[in-house]
């Protein structure tokens, strides 16, 4: 689970790092916490390219709320 808020310069590297892991049964849930930069666009590309990435979008309510939202969407 990865909360993200206005992390455009870093989010691609963070997602790539997780996707390079050798764990086969891995799902990365990234919760966009109401970003106003290009973070949602970048995350959307990863979600479209990889079945291991799921993006959940929410209003900007902080890290704890973002993590709770992600947990609610976990399988």
PDB file of N, CA and C in Angstrom:
ATOM      1  N   UNK A   1       0.855  -1.160   0.000  1.00  0.00           N
ATOM      2  CA  UNK A   1       0.000   0.000   0.000  1.00  0.00           C
ATOM      3  C   UNK A   1       0.902   1.224   0.000  1.00  0.00           C
ATOM      4  N   UNK A   2       0.573   2.166  -0.864  1.00  0.00           N
ATOM      5  CA  UNK A   2       1.383   3.373  -0.980  1.00  0.00           C
ATOM      6  C   UNK A   2       0.467   4.595  -1.051  1.00  0.00           C
ATOM      7  N   UNK A   3       0.481   5.444  -0.035  1.00  0.00           N
ATOM      8  CA  UNK A   3      -0.248   6.708  -0.146  1.00  0.00           C
ATOM      9  C   UNK A   3       0.569   7.676  -0.990  1.00  0.00           C
ATOM     10  N   UNK A   4      -0.107   8.528  -1.745  1.00  0.00           N
ATOM     11  CA  UNK A   4       0.604   9.477  -2.608  1.00  0.00           C
ATOM     12  C   UNK A   4      -0.147  10.802  -2.651  1.00  0.00           C
ATOM     13  N   UNK A   5       0.596  11.873  -2.414  1.00  0.00           N
ATOM     14  CA  UNK A   5       0.016  13.209  -2.523  1.00  0.00           C
ATOM     15  C   UNK A   5       1.061  14.147  -3.118  1.00  0.00           C
ATOM     16  N   UNK A   6       0.806  14.617  -4.334  1.00  0.00           N
ATOM     17  CA  UNK A   6       1.694  15.557  -5.031  1.00  0.00           C
ATOM     18  C   UNK A   6       3.146  15.083  -5.015  1.00  0.00           C
ATOM     19  N   UNK A   7       3.352  13.858  -5.474  1.00  0.00           N
ATOM     20  CA  UNK A   7       4.693  13.267  -5.506  1.00  0.00           C
ATOM     21  C   UNK A   7       5.166  13.017  -6.936  1.00  0.00           C
ATOM     22  N   UNK A   8       4.751  13.880  -7.840  1.00  0.00           N
ATOM     23  CA  UNK A   8       5.091  13.732  -9.254  1.00  0.00           C
ATOM     24  C   UNK A   8       6.569  13.410  -9.494  1.00  0.00           C
ATOM     25  N   UNK A   9       7.517  14.093  -8.860  1.00  0.00           N
ATOM     26  CA  UNK A   9       8.926  13.813  -9.163  1.00  0.00           C
ATOM     27  C   UNK A   9       9.403  12.434  -8.700  1.00  0.00           C
ATOM     28  N   UNK A  10       8.674  11.797  -7.793  1.00  0.00           N
ATOM     29  CA  UNK A  10       9.158  10.568  -7.161  1.00  0.00           C
ATOM     30  C   UNK A  10       8.307   9.333  -7.409  1.00  0.00           C
ATOM     31  N   UNK A  11       7.073   9.508  -7.820  1.00  0.00           N
ATOM     32  CA  UNK A  11       6.134   8.390  -7.819  1.00  0.00           C
ATOM     33  C   UNK A  11       6.513   7.300  -8.817  1.00  0.00           C
ATOM     34  N   UNK A  12       7.034   7.649  -9.972  1.00  0.00           N
ATOM     35  CA  UNK A  12       7.419   6.626 -10.950  1.00  0.00           C
ATOM     36  C   UNK A  12       8.522   5.736 -10.385  1.00  0.00           C
ATOM     37  N   UNK A  13       9.536   6.326  -9.770  1.00  0.00           N
ATOM     38  CA  UNK A  13      10.616   5.532  -9.176  1.00  0.00           C
ATOM     39  C   UNK A  13      10.090   4.629  -8.066  1.00  0.00           C
ATOM     40  N   UNK A  14       9.168   5.127  -7.270  1.00  0.00           N
ATOM     41  CA  UNK A  14       8.612   4.331  -6.172  1.00  0.00           C
ATOM     42  C   UNK A  14       7.841   3.124  -6.708  1.00  0.00           C
ATOM     43  N   UNK A  15       7.009   3.349  -7.716  1.00  0.00           N
ATOM     44  CA  UNK A  15       6.232   2.249  -8.298  1.00  0.00           C
ATOM     45  C   UNK A  15       7.165   1.253  -8.977  1.00  0.00           C
ATOM     46  N   UNK A  16       8.131   1.744  -9.731  1.00  0.00           N
ATOM     47  CA  UNK A  16       9.091   0.859 -10.408  1.00  0.00           C
ATOM     48  C   UNK A  16       9.838  -0.005  -9.399  1.00  0.00           C
ATOM     49  N   UNK A  17      10.202   0.571  -8.279  1.00  0.00           N
ATOM     50  CA  UNK A  17      10.910  -0.181  -7.244  1.00  0.00           C
ATOM     51  C   UNK A  17      10.068  -1.349  -6.737  1.00  0.00           C
ATOM     52  N   UNK A  18       8.801  -1.113  -6.525  1.00  0.00           N
ATOM     53  CA  UNK A  18       7.913  -2.188  -6.066  1.00  0.00           C
ATOM     54  C   UNK A  18       7.746  -3.240  -7.155  1.00  0.00           C
ATOM     55  N   UNK A  19       7.576  -2.815  -8.393  1.00  0.00           N
ATOM     56  CA  UNK A  19       7.363  -3.764  -9.484  1.00  0.00           C
ATOM     57  C   UNK A  19       8.600  -4.613  -9.773  1.00  0.00           C
ATOM     58  N   UNK A  20       9.770  -4.156  -9.385  1.00  0.00           N
ATOM     59  CA  UNK A  20      11.001  -4.935  -9.573  1.00  0.00           C
ATOM     60  C   UNK A  20      11.149  -6.049  -8.540  1.00  0.00           C
ATOM     61  N   UNK A  21      10.323  -6.066  -7.539  1.00  0.00           N
ATOM     62  CA  UNK A  21      10.416  -7.111  -6.520  1.00  0.00           C
ATOM     63  C   UNK A  21      10.124  -8.469  -7.148  1.00  0.00           C
ATOM     64  N   UNK A  22      10.719  -9.506  -6.599  1.00  0.00           N
ATOM     65  CA  UNK A  22      10.567 -10.841  -7.177  1.00  0.00           C
ATOM     66  C   UNK A  22       9.351 -11.594  -6.637  1.00  0.00           C
ATOM     67  N   UNK A  23       8.639 -11.013  -5.714  1.00  0.00           N
ATOM     68  CA  UNK A  23       7.422 -11.646  -5.192  1.00  0.00           C
ATOM     69  C   UNK A  23       6.404 -11.736  -6.324  1.00  0.00           C
ATOM     70  N   UNK A  24       5.903 -12.927  -6.571  1.00  0.00           N
ATOM     71  CA  UNK A  24       4.990 -13.106  -7.699  1.00  0.00           C
ATOM     72  C   UNK A  24       3.571 -12.637  -7.392  1.00  0.00           C
ATOM     73  N   UNK A  25       3.079 -12.965  -6.234  1.00  0.00           N
ATOM     74  CA  UNK A  25       1.696 -12.643  -5.889  1.00  0.00           C
ATOM     75  C   UNK A  25       1.663 -11.297  -5.162  1.00  0.00           C
ATOM     76  N   UNK A  26       1.873 -10.239  -5.914  1.00  0.00           N
ATOM     77  CA  UNK A  26       1.982  -8.906  -5.333  1.00  0.00           C
ATOM     78  C   UNK A  26       1.003  -7.969  -6.015  1.00  0.00           C
ATOM     79  N   UNK A  27       0.278  -7.237  -5.220  1.00  0.00           N
ATOM     80  CA  UNK A  27      -0.586  -6.186  -5.745  1.00  0.00           C
ATOM     81  C   UNK A  27      -0.220  -4.896  -5.028  1.00  0.00           C
ATOM     82  N   UNK A  28       0.097  -3.885  -5.792  1.00  0.00           N
ATOM     83  CA  UNK A  28       0.402  -2.574  -5.230  1.00  0.00           C
ATOM     84  C   UNK A  28      -0.845  -1.713  -5.326  1.00  0.00           C
ATOM     85  N   UNK A  29      -1.343  -1.303  -4.184  1.00  0.00           N
ATOM     86  CA  UNK A  29      -2.470  -0.379  -4.145  1.00  0.00           C
ATOM     87  C   UNK A  29      -1.899   0.989  -3.826  1.00  0.00           C
ATOM     88  N   UNK A  30      -2.049   1.909  -4.763  1.00  0.00           N
ATOM     89  CA  UNK A  30      -1.582   3.274  -4.558  1.00  0.00           C
ATOM     90  C   UNK A  30      -2.811   4.144  -4.349  1.00  0.00           C
ATOM     91  N   UNK A  31      -2.830   4.855  -3.239  1.00  0.00           N
ATOM     92  CA  UNK A  31      -3.963   5.722  -2.929  1.00  0.00           C
ATOM     93  C   UNK A  31      -3.544   7.156  -3.198  1.00  0.00           C
ATOM     94  N   UNK A  32      -4.136   7.739  -4.242  1.00  0.00           N
ATOM     95  CA  UNK A  32      -3.876   9.147  -4.526  1.00  0.00           C
ATOM     96  C   UNK A  32      -4.758   9.977  -3.604  1.00  0.00           C
ATOM     97  N   UNK A  33      -4.113  10.764  -2.777  1.00  0.00           N
ATOM     98  CA  UNK A  33      -4.799  11.531  -1.731  1.00  0.00           C
ATOM     99  C   UNK A  33      -5.165  12.933  -2.220  1.00  0.00           C
ATOM    100  N   UNK A  34      -5.786  12.997  -3.399  1.00  0.00           N
ATOM    101  CA  UNK A  34      -6.244  14.285  -3.921  1.00  0.00           C
ATOM    102  C   UNK A  34      -5.147  15.145  -4.514  1.00  0.00           C
ATOM    103  N   UNK A  35      -4.161  14.521  -5.152  1.00  0.00           N
ATOM    104  CA  UNK A  35      -3.045  15.272  -5.738  1.00  0.00           C
ATOM    105  C   UNK A  35      -3.523  16.292  -6.754  1.00  0.00           C
ATOM    106  N   UNK A  36      -2.807  17.410  -6.808  1.00  0.00           N
ATOM    107  CA  UNK A  36      -3.131  18.472  -7.768  1.00  0.00           C
ATOM    108  C   UNK A  36      -2.049  18.613  -8.834  1.00  0.00           C
ATOM    109  N   UNK A  37      -1.029  17.747  -8.788  1.00  0.00           N
ATOM    110  CA  UNK A  37       0.008  17.767  -9.817  1.00  0.00           C
ATOM    111  C   UNK A  37      -0.263  16.624 -10.797  1.00  0.00           C
ATOM    112  N   UNK A  38       0.756  16.100 -11.457  1.00  0.00           N
ATOM    113  CA  UNK A  38       0.573  15.033 -12.446  1.00  0.00           C
ATOM    114  C   UNK A  38       0.620  13.626 -11.836  1.00  0.00           C
ATOM    115  N   UNK A  39       0.625  13.533 -10.527  1.00  0.00           N
ATOM    116  CA  UNK A  39       0.664  12.222  -9.877  1.00  0.00           C
ATOM    117  C   UNK A  39      -0.450  11.291 -10.379  1.00  0.00           C
ATOM    118  N   UNK A  40      -1.711  11.724 -10.437  1.00  0.00           N
ATOM    119  CA  UNK A  40      -2.769  10.817 -10.910  1.00  0.00           C
ATOM    120  C   UNK A  40      -2.541  10.335 -12.347  1.00  0.00           C
ATOM    121  N   UNK A  41      -2.044  11.196 -13.197  1.00  0.00           N
ATOM    122  CA  UNK A  41      -1.777  10.823 -14.591  1.00  0.00           C
ATOM    123  C   UNK A  41      -0.691   9.744 -14.659  1.00  0.00           C
ATOM    124  N   UNK A  42       0.374   9.929 -13.909  1.00  0.00           N
ATOM    125  CA  UNK A  42       1.469   8.959 -13.896  1.00  0.00           C
ATOM    126  C   UNK A  42       0.983   7.622 -13.347  1.00  0.00           C
ATOM    127  N   UNK A  43       0.245   7.666 -12.261  1.00  0.00           N
ATOM    128  CA  UNK A  43      -0.281   6.434 -11.673  1.00  0.00           C
ATOM    129  C   UNK A  43      -1.238   5.726 -12.620  1.00  0.00           C
ATOM    130  N   UNK A  44      -2.036   6.490 -13.336  1.00  0.00           N
ATOM    131  CA  UNK A  44      -2.971   5.906 -14.296  1.00  0.00           C
ATOM    132  C   UNK A  44      -2.270   5.113 -15.374  1.00  0.00           C
ATOM    133  N   UNK A  45      -1.106   5.594 -15.806  1.00  0.00           N
ATOM    134  CA  UNK A  45      -0.330   4.853 -16.810  1.00  0.00           C
ATOM    135  C   UNK A  45       0.119   3.503 -16.259  1.00  0.00           C
ATOM    136  N   UNK A  46       0.599   3.495 -15.030  1.00  0.00           N
ATOM    137  CA  UNK A  46       1.033   2.226 -14.436  1.00  0.00           C
ATOM    138  C   UNK A  46      -0.136   1.274 -14.253  1.00  0.00           C
ATOM    139  N   UNK A  47      -1.267   1.795 -13.848  1.00  0.00           N
ATOM    140  CA  UNK A  47      -2.444   0.947 -13.662  1.00  0.00           C
ATOM    141  C   UNK A  47      -2.864   0.326 -14.992  1.00  0.00           C
ATOM    142  N   UNK A  48      -2.763   1.085 -16.072  1.00  0.00           N
ATOM    143  CA  UNK A  48      -3.125   0.572 -17.387  1.00  0.00           C
ATOM    144  C   UNK A  48      -2.139  -0.444 -17.932  1.00  0.00           C
ATOM    145  N   UNK A  49      -0.878  -0.350 -17.510  1.00  0.00           N
ATOM    146  CA  UNK A  49       0.173  -1.221 -18.041  1.00  0.00           C
ATOM    147  C   UNK A  49       0.407  -2.477 -17.212  1.00  0.00           C
ATOM    148  N   UNK A  50       0.034  -2.476 -15.951  1.00  0.00           N
ATOM    149  CA  UNK A  50       0.355  -3.599 -15.072  1.00  0.00           C
ATOM    150  C   UNK A  50      -0.871  -4.039 -14.280  1.00  0.00           C
ATOM    151  N   UNK A  51      -1.144  -5.324 -14.323  1.00  0.00           N
ATOM    152  CA  UNK A  51      -2.261  -5.859 -13.542  1.00  0.00           C
ATOM    153  C   UNK A  51      -1.930  -5.892 -12.054  1.00  0.00           C
ATOM    154  N   UNK A  52      -0.674  -5.629 -11.706  1.00  0.00           N
ATOM    155  CA  UNK A  52      -0.254  -5.647 -10.295  1.00  0.00           C
ATOM    156  C   UNK A  52      -0.432  -4.295  -9.615  1.00  0.00           C
ATOM    157  N   UNK A  53      -0.827  -3.271 -10.375  1.00  0.00           N
ATOM    158  CA  UNK A  53      -0.995  -1.927  -9.815  1.00  0.00           C
ATOM    159  C   UNK A  53      -2.464  -1.534  -9.857  1.00  0.00           C
ATOM    160  N   UNK A  54      -2.969  -1.122  -8.710  1.00  0.00           N
ATOM    161  CA  UNK A  54      -4.334  -0.604  -8.639  1.00  0.00           C
ATOM    162  C   UNK A  54      -4.272   0.775  -7.994  1.00  0.00           C
ATOM    163  N   UNK A  55      -4.951   1.731  -8.595  1.00  0.00           N
ATOM    164  CA  UNK A  55      -4.957   3.100  -8.083  1.00  0.00           C
ATOM    165  C   UNK A  55      -6.341   3.404  -7.529  1.00  0.00           C
ATOM    166  N   UNK A  56      -6.358   3.930  -6.321  1.00  0.00           N
ATOM    167  CA  UNK A  56      -7.587   4.369  -5.669  1.00  0.00           C
ATOM    168  C   UNK A  56      -7.444   5.865  -5.449  1.00  0.00           C
ATOM    169  N   UNK A  57      -8.446   6.619  -5.839  1.00  0.00           N
ATOM    170  CA  UNK A  57      -8.387   8.076  -5.682  1.00  0.00           C
ATOM    171  C   UNK A  57      -9.343   8.534  -4.594  1.00  0.00           C
ATOM    172  N   UNK A  58      -8.883   9.503  -3.825  1.00  0.00           N
ATOM    173  CA  UNK A  58      -9.718  10.053  -2.766  1.00  0.00           C
ATOM    174  C   UNK A  58      -9.461  11.534  -2.605  1.00  0.00           C
ATOM    175  N   UNK A  59     -10.224  12.153  -1.743  1.00  0.00           N
ATOM    176  CA  UNK A  59     -10.019  13.569  -1.422  1.00  0.00           C
ATOM    177  C   UNK A  59      -8.786  13.690  -0.535  1.00  0.00           C
ATOM    178  N   UNK A  60      -8.229  14.879  -0.480  1.00  0.00           N
ATOM    179  CA  UNK A  60      -7.034  15.104   0.342  1.00  0.00           C
ATOM    180  C   UNK A  60      -7.423  15.152   1.820  1.00  0.00           C
ATOM    181  N   UNK A  61      -7.254  13.998   2.470  1.00  0.00           N
ATOM    182  CA  UNK A  61      -7.598  13.883   3.890  1.00  0.00           C
ATOM    183  C   UNK A  61      -6.426  13.425   4.743  1.00  0.00           C
ATOM    184  N   UNK A  62      -5.247  13.325   4.161  1.00  0.00           N
ATOM    185  CA  UNK A  62      -4.065  12.941   4.921  1.00  0.00           C
ATOM    186  C   UNK A  62      -3.703  11.473   4.786  1.00  0.00           C
ATOM    187  N   UNK A  63      -2.522  11.152   5.297  1.00  0.00           N
ATOM    188  CA  UNK A  63      -1.955   9.815   5.140  1.00  0.00           C
ATOM    189  C   UNK A  63      -2.819   8.738   5.790  1.00  0.00           C
ATOM    190  N   UNK A  64      -3.271   8.956   7.000  1.00  0.00           N
ATOM    191  CA  UNK A  64      -4.068   7.930   7.689  1.00  0.00           C
ATOM    192  C   UNK A  64      -5.348   7.611   6.936  1.00  0.00           C
ATOM    193  N   UNK A  65      -6.035   8.632   6.479  1.00  0.00           N
ATOM    194  CA  UNK A  65      -7.268   8.416   5.717  1.00  0.00           C
ATOM    195  C   UNK A  65      -6.965   7.709   4.400  1.00  0.00           C
ATOM    196  N   UNK A  66      -5.859   8.066   3.761  1.00  0.00           N
ATOM    197  CA  UNK A  66      -5.479   7.413   2.506  1.00  0.00           C
ATOM    198  C   UNK A  66      -5.204   5.929   2.739  1.00  0.00           C
ATOM    199  N   UNK A  67      -4.484   5.607   3.793  1.00  0.00           N
ATOM    200  CA  UNK A  67      -4.209   4.203   4.096  1.00  0.00           C
ATOM    201  C   UNK A  67      -5.489   3.447   4.422  1.00  0.00           C
ATOM    202  N   UNK A  68      -6.379   4.051   5.174  1.00  0.00           N
ATOM    203  CA  UNK A  68      -7.665   3.406   5.482  1.00  0.00           C
ATOM    204  C   UNK A  68      -8.470   3.155   4.213  1.00  0.00           C
ATOM    205  N   UNK A  69      -8.442   4.107   3.294  1.00  0.00           N
ATOM    206  CA  UNK A  69      -9.142   3.936   2.021  1.00  0.00           C
ATOM    207  C   UNK A  69      -8.537   2.782   1.237  1.00  0.00           C
ATOM    208  N   UNK A  70      -7.221   2.695   1.226  1.00  0.00           N
ATOM    209  CA  UNK A  70      -6.551   1.595   0.539  1.00  0.00           C
ATOM    210  C   UNK A  70      -6.894   0.250   1.139  1.00  0.00           C
ATOM    211  N   UNK A  71      -6.910   0.162   2.444  1.00  0.00           N
ATOM    212  CA  UNK A  71      -7.271  -1.091   3.116  1.00  0.00           C
ATOM    213  C   UNK A  71      -8.687  -1.501   2.742  1.00  0.00           C
ATOM    214  N   UNK A  72      -9.577  -0.541   2.644  1.00  0.00           N
ATOM    215  CA  UNK A  72     -10.962  -0.841   2.270  1.00  0.00           C
ATOM    216  C   UNK A  72     -11.053  -1.413   0.858  1.00  0.00           C
ATOM    217  N   UNK A  73     -10.068  -1.113   0.003  1.00  0.00           N
ATOM    218  CA  UNK A  73     -10.076  -1.609  -1.371  1.00  0.00           C
ATOM    219  C   UNK A  73      -9.192  -2.832  -1.581  1.00  0.00           C
ATOM    220  N   UNK A  74      -8.532  -3.294  -0.543  1.00  0.00           N
ATOM    221  CA  UNK A  74      -7.658  -4.465  -0.667  1.00  0.00           C
ATOM    222  C   UNK A  74      -8.492  -5.736  -0.767  1.00  0.00           C
ATOM    223  N   UNK A  75      -7.959  -6.684  -1.497  1.00  0.00           N
ATOM    224  CA  UNK A  75      -8.656  -7.974  -1.648  1.00  0.00           C
ATOM    225  C   UNK A  75      -8.141  -8.967  -0.645  1.00  0.00           C
TER     226      UNK A  75
END
